Amino acid sequence: MATRSRIGVMHGDIVKSIYCHWDGYLEHNGKILLEHYNSAKANELVSLGDLSSLRPEIGVEHPFSRFETKMSDSEWDETYGNQCTFYGRDRKETGIEWKTAHTFDEFLSQVEACCGDYYYIMKDGTWYCGSMYEREEGLHRKLTPLAEAFEEATAI
């Protein structure tokens, strides 16, 4: 089952964002964004459109899944496992371009429209996150610094 998310960059009040199908929770997508994506790389990520899966490297065009190749699981992981998989670049889908929201509320509507569970926004060089889950009071429909939310989520 997918944990959907939106990943965006915010310039002023405008958010440009993309959908990501897999692993949208803080301990996966949140961690990857925090550890591997600065502002420039976040803008490059969003420019490529909707994602199937986020990985530490944006990577290069490659087969959408290992089942489109004769590679073993280990060969696939070694070759492409660290690279993002995009619907447009890697599966040649159309209509997967980033979306623009002119307000944070409009962005939240986009998160809802894609059945997103979490969202991430790069703003002024800092990652922020939020959740559509009401049970996550500190994150619910807010912009919370990702580093703080990740620390809290992974504290034992």
C-alpha atoms as a PDB file:
ATOM      1  CA  MET A   1       0.000   0.000   0.000  1.00  0.00           C
ATOM      2  CA  ALA A   2       1.313   3.432  -0.907  1.00  0.00           C
ATOM      3  CA  THR A   3       1.917   6.329   1.442  1.00  0.00           C
ATOM      4  CA  ARG A   4       1.392   9.203  -0.974  1.00  0.00           C
ATOM      5  CA  SER A   5       2.980  12.619  -0.617  1.00  0.00           C
ATOM      6  CA  ARG A   6       3.537  15.925  -2.395  1.00  0.00           C
ATOM      7  CA  ILE A   7       6.981  17.459  -2.598  1.00  0.00           C
ATOM      8  CA  GLY A   8       7.332  21.119  -3.446  1.00  0.00           C
ATOM      9  CA  VAL A   9       9.363  24.273  -3.448  1.00  0.00           C
ATOM     10  CA  MET A  10       7.913  27.531  -2.180  1.00  0.00           C
ATOM     11  CA  HIS A  11       8.867  30.929  -3.564  1.00  0.00           C
ATOM     12  CA  GLY A  12       6.991  33.647  -1.672  1.00  0.00           C
ATOM     13  CA  ASP A  13       3.453  32.283  -1.388  1.00  0.00           C
ATOM     14  CA  ILE A  14       3.681  30.157  -4.561  1.00  0.00           C
ATOM     15  CA  VAL A  15       4.297  26.416  -4.272  1.00  0.00           C
ATOM     16  CA  LYS A  16       5.350  24.282  -7.237  1.00  0.00           C
ATOM     17  CA  SER A  17       4.900  20.636  -6.305  1.00  0.00           C
ATOM     18  CA  ILE A  18       4.858  17.064  -7.550  1.00  0.00           C
ATOM     19  CA  TYR A  19       3.125  13.875  -6.476  1.00  0.00           C
ATOM     20  CA  CYS A  20       5.126  10.961  -5.063  1.00  0.00           C
ATOM     21  CA  HIS A  21       3.403   7.573  -4.861  1.00  0.00           C
ATOM     22  CA  TRP A  22       5.588   5.491  -2.542  1.00  0.00           C
ATOM     23  CA  ASP A  23       6.971   5.854   0.988  1.00  0.00           C
ATOM     24  CA  GLY A  24       5.809   9.382   1.788  1.00  0.00           C
ATOM     25  CA  TYR A  25       6.235   9.003   5.552  1.00  0.00           C
ATOM     26  CA  LEU A  26       8.840  10.986   7.509  1.00  0.00           C
ATOM     27  CA  GLU A  27      11.192   8.066   8.111  1.00  0.00           C
ATOM     28  CA  HIS A  28      11.609   7.499   4.369  1.00  0.00           C
ATOM     29  CA  ASN A  29      10.866  10.472   2.073  1.00  0.00           C
ATOM     30  CA  GLY A  30      11.383  12.939   4.902  1.00  0.00           C
ATOM     31  CA  LYS A  31      14.777  11.464   5.743  1.00  0.00           C
ATOM     32  CA  ILE A  32      15.879  11.357   2.104  1.00  0.00           C
ATOM     33  CA  LEU A  33      14.883  14.984   1.500  1.00  0.00           C
ATOM     34  CA  LEU A  34      16.562  16.133   4.696  1.00  0.00           C
ATOM     35  CA  GLU A  35      19.808  14.289   4.036  1.00  0.00           C
ATOM     36  CA  HIS A  36      20.171  14.531   0.248  1.00  0.00           C
ATOM     37  CA  TYR A  37      18.220  17.490  -1.185  1.00  0.00           C
ATOM     38  CA  ASN A  38      19.293  21.110  -0.896  1.00  0.00           C
ATOM     39  CA  SER A  39      17.344  23.956  -2.474  1.00  0.00           C
ATOM     40  CA  ALA A  40      18.884  23.580  -5.952  1.00  0.00           C
ATOM     41  CA  LYS A  41      18.367  19.814  -6.024  1.00  0.00           C
ATOM     42  CA  ALA A  42      14.775  20.235  -4.755  1.00  0.00           C
ATOM     43  CA  ASN A  43      14.032  22.579  -7.666  1.00  0.00           C
ATOM     44  CA  GLU A  44      15.551  20.081 -10.120  1.00  0.00           C
ATOM     45  CA  LEU A  45      13.469  17.265  -8.593  1.00  0.00           C
ATOM     46  CA  VAL A  46      10.206  19.199  -8.947  1.00  0.00           C
ATOM     47  CA  SER A  47      11.046  20.207 -12.511  1.00  0.00           C
ATOM     48  CA  LEU A  48      10.928  16.543 -13.598  1.00  0.00           C
ATOM     49  CA  GLY A  49       7.299  16.025 -12.558  1.00  0.00           C
ATOM     50  CA  ASP A  50       5.481  13.335 -10.633  1.00  0.00           C
ATOM     51  CA  LEU A  51       7.431  10.517  -9.013  1.00  0.00           C
ATOM     52  CA  SER A  52       6.804   6.880  -8.398  1.00  0.00           C
ATOM     53  CA  SER A  53       9.589   6.718  -5.815  1.00  0.00           C
ATOM     54  CA  LEU A  54      12.010   9.173  -4.251  1.00  0.00           C
ATOM     55  CA  ARG A  55      15.628   8.136  -3.809  1.00  0.00           C
ATOM     56  CA  PRO A  56      18.819   9.959  -2.743  1.00  0.00           C
ATOM     57  CA  GLU A  57      19.848  10.685  -6.339  1.00  0.00           C
ATOM     58  CA  ILE A  58      17.710  12.152  -9.117  1.00  0.00           C
ATOM     59  CA  GLY A  59      19.624   9.905 -11.493  1.00  0.00           C
ATOM     60  CA  VAL A  60      19.215   9.362 -15.203  1.00  0.00           C
ATOM     61  CA  GLU A  61      16.505   7.954 -17.447  1.00  0.00           C
ATOM     62  CA  HIS A  62      16.109   4.242 -16.798  1.00  0.00           C
ATOM     63  CA  PRO A  63      13.524   1.450 -17.143  1.00  0.00           C
ATOM     64  CA  PHE A  64      10.524   2.121 -14.902  1.00  0.00           C
ATOM     65  CA  SER A  65      10.850  -1.213 -13.125  1.00  0.00           C
ATOM     66  CA  ARG A  66      13.166  -4.170 -12.995  1.00  0.00           C
ATOM     67  CA  PHE A  67      10.466  -6.260 -14.671  1.00  0.00           C
ATOM     68  CA  GLU A  68      11.108  -4.324 -17.894  1.00  0.00           C
ATOM     69  CA  THR A  69      14.659  -5.711 -17.900  1.00  0.00           C
ATOM     70  CA  LYS A  70      16.414  -9.044 -17.565  1.00  0.00           C
ATOM     71  CA  MET A  71      18.205  -7.806 -14.441  1.00  0.00           C
ATOM     72  CA  SER A  72      18.083  -9.649 -11.157  1.00  0.00           C
ATOM     73  CA  ASP A  73      16.892  -7.786  -8.065  1.00  0.00           C
ATOM     74  CA  SER A  74      20.484  -7.277  -6.939  1.00  0.00           C
ATOM     75  CA  GLU A  75      21.610  -6.034 -10.378  1.00  0.00           C
ATOM     76  CA  TRP A  76      18.685  -3.586 -10.493  1.00  0.00           C
ATOM     77  CA  ASP A  77      19.407  -2.319  -6.984  1.00  0.00           C
ATOM     78  CA  GLU A  78      23.101  -1.892  -7.738  1.00  0.00           C
ATOM     79  CA  THR A  79      22.435  -0.032 -11.001  1.00  0.00           C
ATOM     80  CA  TYR A  80      19.283   2.015 -10.288  1.00  0.00           C
ATOM     81  CA  GLY A  81      18.338   1.492  -6.641  1.00  0.00           C
ATOM     82  CA  ASN A  82      19.674   4.871  -5.526  1.00  0.00           C
ATOM     83  CA  GLN A  83      17.859   6.817  -8.298  1.00  0.00           C
ATOM     84  CA  CYS A  84      14.401   8.388  -8.355  1.00  0.00           C
ATOM     85  CA  THR A  85      11.817   6.861 -10.662  1.00  0.00           C
ATOM     86  CA  PHE A  86       9.685   9.397 -12.532  1.00  0.00           C
ATOM     87  CA  TYR A  87       6.442   8.764 -14.408  1.00  0.00           C
ATOM     88  CA  GLY A  88       7.416  11.085 -17.254  1.00  0.00           C
ATOM     89  CA  ARG A  89      11.139  10.561 -17.628  1.00  0.00           C
ATOM     90  CA  ASP A  90      11.171   6.811 -16.998  1.00  0.00           C
ATOM     91  CA  ARG A  91       7.718   5.619 -18.148  1.00  0.00           C
ATOM     92  CA  LYS A  92       7.045   8.336 -20.752  1.00  0.00           C
ATOM     93  CA  GLU A  93       3.678   9.320 -19.250  1.00  0.00           C
ATOM     94  CA  THR A  94       2.230  12.728 -20.043  1.00  0.00           C
ATOM     95  CA  GLY A  95       0.236  15.085 -17.832  1.00  0.00           C
ATOM     96  CA  ILE A  96       2.605  14.578 -14.913  1.00  0.00           C
ATOM     97  CA  GLU A  97       4.092  18.069 -14.786  1.00  0.00           C
ATOM     98  CA  TRP A  98       4.442  19.975 -11.508  1.00  0.00           C
ATOM     99  CA  LYS A  99       1.429  21.875 -10.267  1.00  0.00           C
ATOM    100  CA  THR A 100       1.382  25.460  -9.035  1.00  0.00           C
ATOM    101  CA  ALA A 101      -0.506  26.634  -5.964  1.00  0.00           C
ATOM    102  CA  HIS A 102      -0.782  30.354  -5.238  1.00  0.00           C
ATOM    103  CA  THR A 103      -1.559  29.914  -1.544  1.00  0.00           C
ATOM    104  CA  PHE A 104      -0.784  27.317   1.110  1.00  0.00           C
ATOM    105  CA  ASP A 105      -4.492  26.430   1.273  1.00  0.00           C
ATOM    106  CA  GLU A 106      -4.519  25.792  -2.479  1.00  0.00           C
ATOM    107  CA  PHE A 107      -1.463  23.554  -2.023  1.00  0.00           C
ATOM    108  CA  LEU A 108      -3.274  21.611   0.726  1.00  0.00           C
ATOM    109  CA  SER A 109      -6.160  21.099  -1.704  1.00  0.00           C
ATOM    110  CA  GLN A 110      -3.668  19.584  -4.157  1.00  0.00           C
ATOM    111  CA  VAL A 111      -2.401  17.260  -1.423  1.00  0.00           C
ATOM    112  CA  GLU A 112      -5.981  16.174  -0.726  1.00  0.00           C
ATOM    113  CA  ALA A 113      -6.724  15.728  -4.438  1.00  0.00           C
ATOM    114  CA  CYS A 114      -3.893  13.195  -4.813  1.00  0.00           C
ATOM    115  CA  CYS A 115      -4.903  11.424  -1.571  1.00  0.00           C
ATOM    116  CA  GLY A 116      -1.632  12.592  -0.053  1.00  0.00           C
ATOM    117  CA  ASP A 117      -0.779  11.584   3.484  1.00  0.00           C
ATOM    118  CA  TYR A 118       2.287  13.814   3.932  1.00  0.00           C
ATOM    119  CA  TYR A 119       3.767  16.840   2.228  1.00  0.00           C
ATOM    120  CA  TYR A 120       7.204  18.419   2.069  1.00  0.00           C
ATOM    121  CA  ILE A 121       8.113  21.959   1.070  1.00  0.00           C
ATOM    122  CA  MET A 122      11.545  23.490   0.549  1.00  0.00           C
ATOM    123  CA  LYS A 123      11.299  27.149   1.569  1.00  0.00           C
ATOM    124  CA  ASP A 124      14.223  29.563   1.950  1.00  0.00           C
ATOM    125  CA  GLY A 125      16.722  26.701   2.108  1.00  0.00           C
ATOM    126  CA  THR A 126      14.842  24.763   4.803  1.00  0.00           C
ATOM    127  CA  TRP A 127      12.632  21.700   4.485  1.00  0.00           C
ATOM    128  CA  TYR A 128       9.196  21.806   6.086  1.00  0.00           C
ATOM    129  CA  CYS A 129       6.645  19.044   6.334  1.00  0.00           C
ATOM    130  CA  GLY A 130       3.088  18.364   7.328  1.00  0.00           C
ATOM    131  CA  SER A 131       0.509  15.640   7.507  1.00  0.00           C
ATOM    132  CA  MET A 132      -3.089  15.264   6.489  1.00  0.00           C
ATOM    133  CA  TYR A 133      -3.677  12.943   9.464  1.00  0.00           C
ATOM    134  CA  GLU A 134      -5.659  14.655  12.212  1.00  0.00           C
ATOM    135  CA  ARG A 135      -4.035  12.396  14.819  1.00  0.00           C
ATOM    136  CA  GLU A 136      -0.693  14.079  14.116  1.00  0.00           C
ATOM    137  CA  GLU A 137      -1.589  17.343  15.815  1.00  0.00           C
ATOM    138  CA  GLY A 138       1.846  18.935  15.508  1.00  0.00           C
ATOM    139  CA  LEU A 139       1.903  18.322  11.754  1.00  0.00           C
ATOM    140  CA  HIS A 140      -1.757  18.407  10.735  1.00  0.00           C
ATOM    141  CA  ARG A 141      -2.170  20.936   7.899  1.00  0.00           C
ATOM    142  CA  LYS A 142       0.832  22.959   9.117  1.00  0.00           C
ATOM    143  CA  LEU A 143       4.363  23.738   7.993  1.00  0.00           C
ATOM    144  CA  THR A 144       6.680  22.239  10.581  1.00  0.00           C
ATOM    145  CA  PRO A 145      10.465  22.211  10.184  1.00  0.00           C
ATOM    146  CA  LEU A 146      11.251  18.746   8.838  1.00  0.00           C
ATOM    147  CA  ALA A 147      14.354  18.288  11.002  1.00  0.00           C
ATOM    148  CA  GLU A 148      12.261  18.776  14.161  1.00  0.00           C
ATOM    149  CA  ALA A 149       9.429  16.521  12.952  1.00  0.00           C
ATOM    150  CA  PHE A 150      11.870  13.798  11.896  1.00  0.00           C
ATOM    151  CA  GLU A 151      13.682  13.928  15.215  1.00  0.00           C
ATOM    152  CA  GLU A 152      10.410  13.619  17.095  1.00  0.00           C
ATOM    153  CA  ALA A 153       9.151  10.801  14.854  1.00  0.00           C
ATOM    154  CA  THR A 154      12.321   8.757  15.280  1.00  0.00           C
ATOM    155  CA  ALA A 155      12.916   9.392  19.011  1.00  0.00           C
ATOM    156  CA  ILE A 156      12.824   6.233  21.067  1.00  0.00           C
END
